[in-house]
PDB file of N, CA and C in Angstrom:
ATOM      1  N   UNK A   1      73.178 104.938 123.581  1.00  0.00           N
ATOM      2  CA  UNK A   1      73.965 103.820 124.022  1.00  0.00           C
ATOM      3  C   UNK A   1      73.680 103.560 125.487  1.00  0.00           C
ATOM      4  N   UNK A   2      73.509 102.299 125.834  1.00  0.00           N
ATOM      5  CA  UNK A   2      73.259 101.945 127.230  1.00  0.00           C
ATOM      6  C   UNK A   2      74.511 102.142 128.063  1.00  0.00           C
ATOM      7  N   UNK A   3      74.311 102.382 129.347  1.00  0.00           N
ATOM      8  CA  UNK A   3      75.413 102.692 130.236  1.00  0.00           C
ATOM      9  C   UNK A   3      76.481 101.600 130.255  1.00  0.00           C
ATOM     10  N   UNK A   4      76.099 100.337 130.247  1.00  0.00           N
ATOM     11  CA  UNK A   4      77.051  99.240 130.336  1.00  0.00           C
ATOM     12  C   UNK A   4      77.521  98.743 128.971  1.00  0.00           C
ATOM     13  N   UNK A   5      77.010  99.313 127.916  1.00  0.00           N
ATOM     14  CA  UNK A   5      77.364  98.872 126.578  1.00  0.00           C
ATOM     15  C   UNK A   5      78.758  99.378 126.200  1.00  0.00           C
ATOM     16  N   UNK A   6      79.600  98.468 125.718  1.00  0.00           N
ATOM     17  CA  UNK A   6      80.966  98.839 125.347  1.00  0.00           C
ATOM     18  C   UNK A   6      80.961  99.685 124.077  1.00  0.00           C
ATOM     19  N   UNK A   7      81.866 100.619 124.029  1.00  0.00           N
ATOM     20  CA  UNK A   7      82.030 101.461 122.851  1.00  0.00           C
ATOM     21  C   UNK A   7      82.921 100.713 121.869  1.00  0.00           C
ATOM     22  N   UNK A   8      82.454 100.575 120.640  1.00  0.00           N
ATOM     23  CA  UNK A   8      83.206  99.869 119.624  1.00  0.00           C
ATOM     24  C   UNK A   8      83.958 100.891 118.766  1.00  0.00           C
ATOM     25  N   UNK A   9      85.290 100.931 118.899  1.00  0.00           N
ATOM     26  CA  UNK A   9      86.066 101.923 118.138  1.00  0.00           C
ATOM     27  C   UNK A   9      85.906 101.779 116.624  1.00  0.00           C
ATOM     28  N   UNK A  10      85.773 100.561 116.132  1.00  0.00           N
ATOM     29  CA  UNK A  10      85.609 100.366 114.689  1.00  0.00           C
ATOM     30  C   UNK A  10      84.308 100.987 114.196  1.00  0.00           C
ATOM     31  N   UNK A  11      83.245 100.834 114.963  1.00  0.00           N
ATOM     32  CA  UNK A  11      81.965 101.442 114.597  1.00  0.00           C
ATOM     33  C   UNK A  11      82.063 102.965 114.636  1.00  0.00           C
ATOM     34  N   UNK A  12      82.733 103.487 115.659  1.00  0.00           N
ATOM     35  CA  UNK A  12      82.886 104.936 115.754  1.00  0.00           C
ATOM     36  C   UNK A  12      83.730 105.466 114.607  1.00  0.00           C
ATOM     37  N   UNK A  13      84.766 104.719 114.213  1.00  0.00           N
ATOM     38  CA  UNK A  13      85.599 105.177 113.105  1.00  0.00           C
ATOM     39  C   UNK A  13      84.805 105.177 111.801  1.00  0.00           C
ATOM     40  N   UNK A  14      83.892 104.225 111.638  1.00  0.00           N
ATOM     41  CA  UNK A  14      83.041 104.221 110.443  1.00  0.00           C
ATOM     42  C   UNK A  14      82.194 105.495 110.386  1.00  0.00           C
ATOM     43  N   UNK A  15      81.755 105.982 111.531  1.00  0.00           N
ATOM     44  CA  UNK A  15      80.985 107.230 111.593  1.00  0.00           C
ATOM     45  C   UNK A  15      81.878 108.404 111.182  1.00  0.00           C
ATOM     46  N   UNK A  16      83.119 108.404 111.644  1.00  0.00           N
ATOM     47  CA  UNK A  16      84.079 109.441 111.264  1.00  0.00           C
ATOM     48  C   UNK A  16      84.327 109.396 109.758  1.00  0.00           C
ATOM     49  N   UNK A  17      84.511 108.201 109.218  1.00  0.00           N
ATOM     50  CA  UNK A  17      84.729 108.036 107.778  1.00  0.00           C
ATOM     51  C   UNK A  17      83.550 108.608 107.000  1.00  0.00           C
ATOM     52  N   UNK A  18      82.339 108.299 107.444  1.00  0.00           N
ATOM     53  CA  UNK A  18      81.137 108.801 106.765  1.00  0.00           C
ATOM     54  C   UNK A  18      81.097 110.329 106.808  1.00  0.00           C
ATOM     55  N   UNK A  19      81.514 110.918 107.915  1.00  0.00           N
ATOM     56  CA  UNK A  19      81.533 112.377 108.043  1.00  0.00           C
ATOM     57  C   UNK A  19      82.457 113.025 107.003  1.00  0.00           C
ATOM     58  N   UNK A  20      83.545 112.356 106.688  1.00  0.00           N
ATOM     59  CA  UNK A  20      84.536 112.901 105.767  1.00  0.00           C
ATOM     60  C   UNK A  20      84.421 112.310 104.359  1.00  0.00           C
ATOM     61  N   UNK A  21      83.291 111.733 104.043  1.00  0.00           N
ATOM     62  CA  UNK A  21      83.120 111.051 102.752  1.00  0.00           C
ATOM     63  C   UNK A  21      83.369 111.962 101.560  1.00  0.00           C
ATOM     64  N   UNK A  22      83.157 113.268 101.730  1.00  0.00           N
ATOM     65  CA  UNK A  22      83.334 114.193 100.609  1.00  0.00           C
ATOM     66  C   UNK A  22      84.786 114.341 100.171  1.00  0.00           C
ATOM     67  N   UNK A  23      85.745 114.001 101.037  1.00  0.00           N
ATOM     68  CA  UNK A  23      87.165 114.114 100.682  1.00  0.00           C
ATOM     69  C   UNK A  23      87.912 112.795 100.823  1.00  0.00           C
ATOM     70  N   UNK A  24      87.170 111.755 100.955  1.00  0.00           N
ATOM     71  CA  UNK A  24      87.759 110.461 101.268  1.00  0.00           C
ATOM     72  C   UNK A  24      88.807 110.042 100.246  1.00  0.00           C
ATOM     73  N   UNK A  25      90.022 109.804 100.738  1.00  0.00           N
ATOM     74  CA  UNK A  25      91.130 109.298  99.930  1.00  0.00           C
ATOM     75  C   UNK A  25      91.714 108.116 100.673  1.00  0.00           C
ATOM     76  N   UNK A  26      91.064 106.990 100.627  1.00  0.00           N
ATOM     77  CA  UNK A  26      91.567 105.807 101.315  1.00  0.00           C
ATOM     78  C   UNK A  26      92.168 104.877 100.287  1.00  0.00           C
ATOM     79  N   UNK A  27      93.367 104.433 100.566  1.00  0.00           N
ATOM     80  CA  UNK A  27      94.057 103.547  99.645  1.00  0.00           C
ATOM     81  C   UNK A  27      94.154 102.154 100.254  1.00  0.00           C
ATOM     82  N   UNK A  28      93.881 101.124  99.442  1.00  0.00           N
ATOM     83  CA  UNK A  28      93.990  99.754  99.952  1.00  0.00           C
ATOM     84  C   UNK A  28      95.439  99.283  99.954  1.00  0.00           C
ATOM     85  N   UNK A  29      96.235  99.783 100.892  1.00  0.00           N
ATOM     86  CA  UNK A  29      97.618  99.349 100.990  1.00  0.00           C
ATOM     87  C   UNK A  29      97.893  98.853 102.396  1.00  0.00           C
ATOM     88  N   UNK A  30      99.057  98.330 102.588  1.00  0.00           N
ATOM     89  CA  UNK A  30      99.424  97.792 103.899  1.00  0.00           C
ATOM     90  C   UNK A  30     100.388  98.740 104.599  1.00  0.00           C
ATOM     91  N   UNK A  31     100.550  98.525 105.899  1.00  0.00           N
ATOM     92  CA  UNK A  31     101.499  99.322 106.664  1.00  0.00           C
ATOM     93  C   UNK A  31     100.890 100.619 107.158  1.00  0.00           C
ATOM     94  N   UNK A  32     101.765 101.526 107.625  1.00  0.00           N
ATOM     95  CA  UNK A  32     101.296 102.792 108.164  1.00  0.00           C
ATOM     96  C   UNK A  32     100.526 103.538 107.090  1.00  0.00           C
ATOM     97  N   UNK A  33      99.377 104.004 107.450  1.00  0.00           N
ATOM     98  CA  UNK A  33      98.556 104.753 106.508  1.00  0.00           C
ATOM     99  C   UNK A  33      97.491 103.931 105.826  1.00  0.00           C
ATOM    100  N   UNK A  34      97.540 102.612 105.979  1.00  0.00           N
ATOM    101  CA  UNK A  34      96.493 101.800 105.359  1.00  0.00           C
ATOM    102  C   UNK A  34      95.189 102.040 106.106  1.00  0.00           C
ATOM    103  N   UNK A  35      94.141 102.297 105.379  1.00  0.00           N
ATOM    104  CA  UNK A  35      92.847 102.572 105.988  1.00  0.00           C
ATOM    105  C   UNK A  35      92.746 103.955 106.589  1.00  0.00           C
ATOM    106  N   UNK A  36      93.730 104.802 106.357  1.00  0.00           N
ATOM    107  CA  UNK A  36      93.733 106.148 106.928  1.00  0.00           C
ATOM    108  C   UNK A  36      92.889 107.095 106.090  1.00  0.00           C
ATOM    109  N   UNK A  37      92.421 108.150 106.721  1.00  0.00           N
ATOM    110  CA  UNK A  37      91.729 109.223 106.016  1.00  0.00           C
ATOM    111  C   UNK A  37      92.772 110.228 105.563  1.00  0.00           C
ATOM    112  N   UNK A  38      92.710 110.601 104.297  1.00  0.00           N
ATOM    113  CA  UNK A  38      93.709 111.499 103.732  1.00  0.00           C
ATOM    114  C   UNK A  38      93.040 112.635 102.984  1.00  0.00           C
ATOM    115  N   UNK A  39      93.761 113.734 102.925  1.00  0.00           N
ATOM    116  CA  UNK A  39      93.372 114.849 102.087  1.00  0.00           C
ATOM    117  C   UNK A  39      94.641 115.327 101.389  1.00  0.00           C
ATOM    118  N   UNK A  40      94.545 115.487 100.073  1.00  0.00           N
ATOM    119  CA  UNK A  40      95.721 115.841  99.261  1.00  0.00           C
ATOM    120  C   UNK A  40      96.871 114.878  99.495  1.00  0.00           C
ATOM    121  N   UNK A  41      96.553 113.608  99.711  1.00  0.00           N
ATOM    122  CA  UNK A  41      97.566 112.581  99.900  1.00  0.00           C
ATOM    123  C   UNK A  41      98.188 112.536 101.280  1.00  0.00           C
ATOM    124  N   UNK A  42      97.741 113.408 102.197  1.00  0.00           N
ATOM    125  CA  UNK A  42      98.303 113.457 103.546  1.00  0.00           C
ATOM    126  C   UNK A  42      97.305 112.908 104.553  1.00  0.00           C
ATOM    127  N   UNK A  43      97.799 112.070 105.447  1.00  0.00           N
ATOM    128  CA  UNK A  43      96.955 111.465 106.479  1.00  0.00           C
ATOM    129  C   UNK A  43      96.548 112.514 107.501  1.00  0.00           C
ATOM    130  N   UNK A  44      95.259 112.506 107.863  1.00  0.00           N
ATOM    131  CA  UNK A  44      94.816 113.365 108.965  1.00  0.00           C
ATOM    132  C   UNK A  44      94.165 112.564 110.079  1.00  0.00           C
ATOM    133  N   UNK A  45      93.696 111.349 109.799  1.00  0.00           N
ATOM    134  CA  UNK A  45      93.081 110.524 110.842  1.00  0.00           C
ATOM    135  C   UNK A  45      93.157 109.054 110.446  1.00  0.00           C
ATOM    136  N   UNK A  46      93.224 108.213 111.473  1.00  0.00           N
ATOM    137  CA  UNK A  46      93.263 106.773 111.258  1.00  0.00           C
ATOM    138  C   UNK A  46      92.833 106.091 112.553  1.00  0.00           C
ATOM    139  N   UNK A  47      92.593 104.818 112.464  1.00  0.00           N
ATOM    140  CA  UNK A  47      92.302 104.021 113.654  1.00  0.00           C
ATOM    141  C   UNK A  47      93.570 103.250 113.989  1.00  0.00           C
ATOM    142  N   UNK A  48      94.052 103.378 115.212  1.00  0.00           N
ATOM    143  CA  UNK A  48      95.283 102.721 115.637  1.00  0.00           C
ATOM    144  C   UNK A  48      95.059 102.033 116.974  1.00  0.00           C
ATOM    145  N   UNK A  49      95.044 100.721 116.943  1.00  0.00           N
ATOM    146  CA  UNK A  49      94.886  99.926 118.172  1.00  0.00           C
ATOM    147  C   UNK A  49      93.651 100.349 118.963  1.00  0.00           C
ATOM    148  N   UNK A  50      92.545 100.577 118.257  1.00  0.00           N
ATOM    149  CA  UNK A  50      91.283 100.915 118.908  1.00  0.00           C
ATOM    150  C   UNK A  50      91.173 102.363 119.357  1.00  0.00           C
ATOM    151  N   UNK A  51      92.112 103.197 118.934  1.00  0.00           N
ATOM    152  CA  UNK A  51      92.094 104.618 119.294  1.00  0.00           C
ATOM    153  C   UNK A  51      92.121 105.437 118.014  1.00  0.00           C
ATOM    154  N   UNK A  52      91.561 106.636 118.069  1.00  0.00           N
ATOM    155  CA  UNK A  52      91.586 107.531 116.930  1.00  0.00           C
ATOM    156  C   UNK A  52      92.939 108.232 116.908  1.00  0.00           C
ATOM    157  N   UNK A  53      93.650 108.089 115.799  1.00  0.00           N
ATOM    158  CA  UNK A  53      94.948 108.712 115.601  1.00  0.00           C
ATOM    159  C   UNK A  53      94.748 109.954 114.744  1.00  0.00           C
ATOM    160  N   UNK A  54      95.277 111.093 115.219  1.00  0.00           N
ATOM    161  CA  UNK A  54      95.046 112.374 114.550  1.00  0.00           C
ATOM    162  C   UNK A  54      96.330 113.173 114.403  1.00  0.00           C
ATOM    163  N   UNK A  55      96.432 113.918 113.303  1.00  0.00           N
ATOM    164  CA  UNK A  55      97.519 114.877 113.139  1.00  0.00           C
ATOM    165  C   UNK A  55      96.941 116.257 113.447  1.00  0.00           C
ATOM    166  N   UNK A  56      97.484 116.881 114.488  1.00  0.00           N
ATOM    167  CA  UNK A  56      97.009 118.183 114.953  1.00  0.00           C
ATOM    168  C   UNK A  56      98.206 119.056 115.297  1.00  0.00           C
ATOM    169  N   UNK A  57      97.990 120.358 115.397  1.00  0.00           N
ATOM    170  CA  UNK A  57      99.095 121.232 115.811  1.00  0.00           C
ATOM    171  C   UNK A  57      99.633 120.802 117.180  1.00  0.00           C
ATOM    172  N   UNK A  58     100.923 120.991 117.371  1.00  0.00           N
ATOM    173  CA  UNK A  58     101.567 120.562 118.612  1.00  0.00           C
ATOM    174  C   UNK A  58     100.865 121.125 119.854  1.00  0.00           C
ATOM    175  N   UNK A  59     100.415 122.376 119.798  1.00  0.00           N
ATOM    176  CA  UNK A  59      99.731 122.983 120.955  1.00  0.00           C
ATOM    177  C   UNK A  59      98.429 122.257 121.285  1.00  0.00           C
ATOM    178  N   UNK A  60      97.714 121.816 120.267  1.00  0.00           N
ATOM    179  CA  UNK A  60      96.467 121.073 120.483  1.00  0.00           C
ATOM    180  C   UNK A  60      96.784 119.707 121.066  1.00  0.00           C
ATOM    181  N   UNK A  61      97.814 119.054 120.548  1.00  0.00           N
ATOM    182  CA  UNK A  61      98.242 117.766 121.092  1.00  0.00           C
ATOM    183  C   UNK A  61      98.622 117.933 122.559  1.00  0.00           C
ATOM    184  N   UNK A  62      99.408 118.968 122.864  1.00  0.00           N
ATOM    185  CA  UNK A  62      99.806 119.233 124.258  1.00  0.00           C
ATOM    186  C   UNK A  62      98.583 119.385 125.154  1.00  0.00           C
ATOM    187  N   UNK A  63      97.579 120.138 124.672  1.00  0.00           N
ATOM    188  CA  UNK A  63      96.367 120.360 125.465  1.00  0.00           C
ATOM    189  C   UNK A  63      95.607 119.050 125.697  1.00  0.00           C
ATOM    190  N   UNK A  64      95.478 118.228 124.663  1.00  0.00           N
ATOM    191  CA  UNK A  64      94.776 116.952 124.807  1.00  0.00           C
ATOM    192  C   UNK A  64      95.505 116.021 125.781  1.00  0.00           C
ATOM    193  N   UNK A  65      96.826 116.019 125.707  1.00  0.00           N
ATOM    194  CA  UNK A  65      97.618 115.167 126.599  1.00  0.00           C
ATOM    195  C   UNK A  65      97.532 115.670 128.039  1.00  0.00           C
ATOM    196  N   UNK A  66      97.680 116.962 128.235  1.00  0.00           N
ATOM    197  CA  UNK A  66      97.662 117.515 129.593  1.00  0.00           C
ATOM    198  C   UNK A  66      96.295 117.385 130.257  1.00  0.00           C
ATOM    199  N   UNK A  67      95.232 117.320 129.455  1.00  0.00           N
ATOM    200  CA  UNK A  67      93.888 117.155 130.023  1.00  0.00           C
ATOM    201  C   UNK A  67      93.472 115.678 130.079  1.00  0.00           C
ATOM    202  N   UNK A  68      94.421 114.793 129.817  1.00  0.00           N
ATOM    203  CA  UNK A  68      94.186 113.341 129.843  1.00  0.00           C
ATOM    204  C   UNK A  68      93.144 112.877 128.832  1.00  0.00           C
ATOM    205  N   UNK A  69      92.956 113.641 127.770  1.00  0.00           N
ATOM    206  CA  UNK A  69      92.028 113.241 126.709  1.00  0.00           C
ATOM    207  C   UNK A  69      92.740 112.476 125.604  1.00  0.00           C
ATOM    208  N   UNK A  70      94.064 112.557 125.568  1.00  0.00           N
ATOM    209  CA  UNK A  70      94.811 111.897 124.516  1.00  0.00           C
ATOM    210  C   UNK A  70      96.186 111.475 124.973  1.00  0.00           C
ATOM    211  N   UNK A  71      96.830 110.660 124.136  1.00  0.00           N
ATOM    212  CA  UNK A  71      98.197 110.213 124.397  1.00  0.00           C
ATOM    213  C   UNK A  71      99.028 110.489 123.156  1.00  0.00           C
ATOM    214  N   UNK A  72     100.256 110.913 123.368  1.00  0.00           N
ATOM    215  CA  UNK A  72     101.151 111.140 122.237  1.00  0.00           C
ATOM    216  C   UNK A  72     101.366 109.828 121.488  1.00  0.00           C
ATOM    217  N   UNK A  73     101.464 109.938 120.175  1.00  0.00           N
ATOM    218  CA  UNK A  73     101.681 108.769 119.330  1.00  0.00           C
ATOM    219  C   UNK A  73     103.179 108.588 119.117  1.00  0.00           C
ATOM    220  N   UNK A  74     103.611 107.347 119.191  1.00  0.00           N
ATOM    221  CA  UNK A  74     105.020 107.027 118.998  1.00  0.00           C
ATOM    222  C   UNK A  74     105.137 105.882 118.007  1.00  0.00           C
ATOM    223  N   UNK A  75     106.143 105.968 117.168  1.00  0.00           N
ATOM    224  CA  UNK A  75     106.399 104.889 116.212  1.00  0.00           C
ATOM    225  C   UNK A  75     107.489 103.957 116.714  1.00  0.00           C
ATOM    226  N   UNK A  76     107.852 104.078 117.974  1.00  0.00           N
ATOM    227  CA  UNK A  76     108.861 103.220 118.576  1.00  0.00           C
ATOM    228  C   UNK A  76     109.555 103.946 119.714  1.00  0.00           C
ATOM    229  N   UNK A  77     110.522 103.276 120.308  1.00  0.00           N
ATOM    230  CA  UNK A  77     111.258 103.860 121.426  1.00  0.00           C
ATOM    231  C   UNK A  77     111.892 105.184 121.007  1.00  0.00           C
ATOM    232  N   UNK A  78     111.639 106.207 121.796  1.00  0.00           N
ATOM    233  CA  UNK A  78     112.186 107.556 121.548  1.00  0.00           C
ATOM    234  C   UNK A  78     111.791 108.121 120.194  1.00  0.00           C
ATOM    235  N   UNK A  79     110.613 107.741 119.696  1.00  0.00           N
ATOM    236  CA  UNK A  79     110.160 108.259 118.397  1.00  0.00           C
ATOM    237  C   UNK A  79     108.761 108.861 118.521  1.00  0.00           C
ATOM    238  N   UNK A  80     108.546 109.628 119.590  1.00  0.00           N
ATOM    239  CA  UNK A  80     107.267 110.288 119.814  1.00  0.00           C
ATOM    240  C   UNK A  80     107.085 111.392 118.793  1.00  0.00           C
ATOM    241  N   UNK A  81     105.901 111.458 118.220  1.00  0.00           N
ATOM    242  CA  UNK A  81     105.588 112.445 117.188  1.00  0.00           C
ATOM    243  C   UNK A  81     104.895 113.650 117.820  1.00  0.00           C
ATOM    244  N   UNK A  82     105.417 114.844 117.589  1.00  0.00           N
ATOM    245  CA  UNK A  82     104.898 116.065 118.207  1.00  0.00           C
ATOM    246  C   UNK A  82     103.492 116.425 117.748  1.00  0.00           C
ATOM    247  N   UNK A  83     103.167 116.119 116.512  1.00  0.00           N
ATOM    248  CA  UNK A  83     101.873 116.515 115.953  1.00  0.00           C
ATOM    249  C   UNK A  83     100.876 115.358 115.850  1.00  0.00           C
ATOM    250  N   UNK A  84     101.152 114.266 116.511  1.00  0.00           N
ATOM    251  CA  UNK A  84     100.255 113.107 116.434  1.00  0.00           C
ATOM    252  C   UNK A  84      99.795 112.712 117.824  1.00  0.00           C
ATOM    253  N   UNK A  85      98.501 112.412 117.930  1.00  0.00           N
ATOM    254  CA  UNK A  85      97.898 112.043 119.208  1.00  0.00           C
ATOM    255  C   UNK A  85      96.876 110.934 118.966  1.00  0.00           C
ATOM    256  N   UNK A  86      96.706 110.078 119.965  1.00  0.00           N
ATOM    257  CA  UNK A  86      95.630 109.088 119.902  1.00  0.00           C
ATOM    258  C   UNK A  86      94.617 109.404 120.993  1.00  0.00           C
ATOM    259  N   UNK A  87      93.359 109.159 120.673  1.00  0.00           N
ATOM    260  CA  UNK A  87      92.260 109.471 121.582  1.00  0.00           C
ATOM    261  C   UNK A  87      91.406 108.226 121.756  1.00  0.00           C
ATOM    262  N   UNK A  88      91.093 107.913 123.005  1.00  0.00           N
ATOM    263  CA  UNK A  88      90.231 106.758 123.295  1.00  0.00           C
ATOM    264  C   UNK A  88      88.823 106.977 122.780  1.00  0.00           C
ATOM    265  N   UNK A  89      88.141 105.879 122.545  1.00  0.00           N
ATOM    266  CA  UNK A  89      86.737 105.949 122.140  1.00  0.00           C
ATOM    267  C   UNK A  89      85.915 106.468 123.313  1.00  0.00           C
ATOM    268  N   UNK A  90      85.205 107.560 123.090  1.00  0.00           N
ATOM    269  CA  UNK A  90      84.316 108.095 124.123  1.00  0.00           C
ATOM    270  C   UNK A  90      82.934 108.286 123.522  1.00  0.00           C
ATOM    271  N   UNK A  91      82.865 109.132 122.501  1.00  0.00           N
ATOM    272  CA  UNK A  91      81.607 109.321 121.778  1.00  0.00           C
ATOM    273  C   UNK A  91      81.930 109.788 120.363  1.00  0.00           C
ATOM    274  N   UNK A  92      81.036 109.509 119.454  1.00  0.00           N
ATOM    275  CA  UNK A  92      81.263 109.825 118.046  1.00  0.00           C
ATOM    276  C   UNK A  92      81.390 111.326 117.810  1.00  0.00           C
ATOM    277  N   UNK A  93      80.636 112.128 118.533  1.00  0.00           N
ATOM    278  CA  UNK A  93      80.689 113.587 118.331  1.00  0.00           C
ATOM    279  C   UNK A  93      82.088 114.131 118.621  1.00  0.00           C
ATOM    280  N   UNK A  94      82.733 113.634 119.654  1.00  0.00           N
ATOM    281  CA  UNK A  94      84.087 114.072 119.984  1.00  0.00           C
ATOM    282  C   UNK A  94      85.054 113.663 118.886  1.00  0.00           C
ATOM    283  N   UNK A  95      84.949 112.422 118.433  1.00  0.00           N
ATOM    284  CA  UNK A  95      85.844 111.949 117.371  1.00  0.00           C
ATOM    285  C   UNK A  95      85.619 112.743 116.084  1.00  0.00           C
ATOM    286  N   UNK A  96      84.388 113.048 115.767  1.00  0.00           N
ATOM    287  CA  UNK A  96      84.101 113.824 114.552  1.00  0.00           C
ATOM    288  C   UNK A  96      84.702 115.222 114.675  1.00  0.00           C
ATOM    289  N   UNK A  97      84.505 115.875 115.807  1.00  0.00           N
ATOM    290  CA  UNK A  97      85.028 117.230 116.001  1.00  0.00           C
ATOM    291  C   UNK A  97      86.555 117.247 115.915  1.00  0.00           C
ATOM    292  N   UNK A  98      87.215 116.300 116.561  1.00  0.00           N
ATOM    293  CA  UNK A  98      88.670 116.242 116.522  1.00  0.00           C
ATOM    294  C   UNK A  98      89.177 115.902 115.121  1.00  0.00           C
ATOM    295  N   UNK A  99      88.492 114.988 114.449  1.00  0.00           N
ATOM    296  CA  UNK A  99      88.930 114.627 113.093  1.00  0.00           C
ATOM    297  C   UNK A  99      88.733 115.798 112.135  1.00  0.00           C
ATOM    298  N   UNK A 100      87.713 116.619 112.366  1.00  0.00           N
ATOM    299  CA  UNK A 100      87.516 117.801 111.529  1.00  0.00           C
ATOM    300  C   UNK A 100      88.649 118.806 111.762  1.00  0.00           C
ATOM    301  N   UNK A 101      89.061 118.958 113.022  1.00  0.00           N
ATOM    302  CA  UNK A 101      90.200 119.832 113.326  1.00  0.00           C
ATOM    303  C   UNK A 101      91.457 119.331 112.612  1.00  0.00           C
ATOM    304  N   UNK A 102      91.663 118.012 112.638  1.00  0.00           N
ATOM    305  CA  UNK A 102      92.831 117.424 111.980  1.00  0.00           C
ATOM    306  C   UNK A 102      92.761 117.636 110.474  1.00  0.00           C
ATOM    307  N   UNK A 103      91.598 117.443 109.911  1.00  0.00           N
ATOM    308  CA  UNK A 103      91.418 117.656 108.469  1.00  0.00           C
ATOM    309  C   UNK A 103      91.726 119.103 108.095  1.00  0.00           C
ATOM    310  N   UNK A 104      91.195 120.045 108.863  1.00  0.00           N
ATOM    311  CA  UNK A 104      91.436 121.468 108.608  1.00  0.00           C
ATOM    312  C   UNK A 104      92.924 121.787 108.716  1.00  0.00           C
ATOM    313  N   UNK A 105      93.580 121.207 109.705  1.00  0.00           N
ATOM    314  CA  UNK A 105      95.008 121.454 109.919  1.00  0.00           C
ATOM    315  C   UNK A 105      95.839 120.932 108.743  1.00  0.00           C
ATOM    316  N   UNK A 106      95.589 119.707 108.350  1.00  0.00           N
ATOM    317  CA  UNK A 106      96.341 119.111 107.243  1.00  0.00           C
ATOM    318  C   UNK A 106      96.041 119.824 105.928  1.00  0.00           C
ATOM    319  N   UNK A 107      94.823 120.316 105.812  1.00  0.00           N
ATOM    320  CA  UNK A 107      94.402 121.041 104.606  1.00  0.00           C
ATOM    321  C   UNK A 107      95.058 122.426 104.529  1.00  0.00           C
ATOM    322  N   UNK A 108      95.594 122.875 105.643  1.00  0.00           N
ATOM    323  CA  UNK A 108      96.275 124.167 105.642  1.00  0.00           C
ATOM    324  C   UNK A 108      95.580 125.249 106.426  1.00  0.00           C
ATOM    325  N   UNK A 109      94.391 124.938 106.940  1.00  0.00           N
ATOM    326  CA  UNK A 109      93.661 125.914 107.749  1.00  0.00           C
ATOM    327  C   UNK A 109      94.010 125.775 109.209  1.00  0.00           C
ATOM    328  N   UNK A 110      93.360 126.527 110.027  1.00  0.00           N
ATOM    329  CA  UNK A 110      93.569 126.432 111.469  1.00  0.00           C
ATOM    330  C   UNK A 110      92.435 125.620 112.087  1.00  0.00           C
ATOM    331  N   UNK A 111      92.778 124.701 112.978  1.00  0.00           N
ATOM    332  CA  UNK A 111      91.721 123.903 113.633  1.00  0.00           C
ATOM    333  C   UNK A 111      90.920 124.707 114.619  1.00  0.00           C
TER     334      UNK A 111
END
């Protein structure tokens, strides 16, 4: 990617989707969870307002937030979710690694 070229979150999310194609459970519905990546019916990653939305252990979310790599996800005023974080588009490798951690976590393993 060229230095001045903008990062397209939709393109990066397509790369993440391709990485998880072996477990892909995407449902064509509306509202929260539409277009999300799921395993065993549980969401582990999605695209939200141009950012990667992930379900991760609270300690991992805390670390991402404290290092300015992520922001806590909120569903409204005073409704911040402890295990949900959004991450800006930086590079596909980072999004893939984080989404794999989220997948492992939701699947029951440790990220």
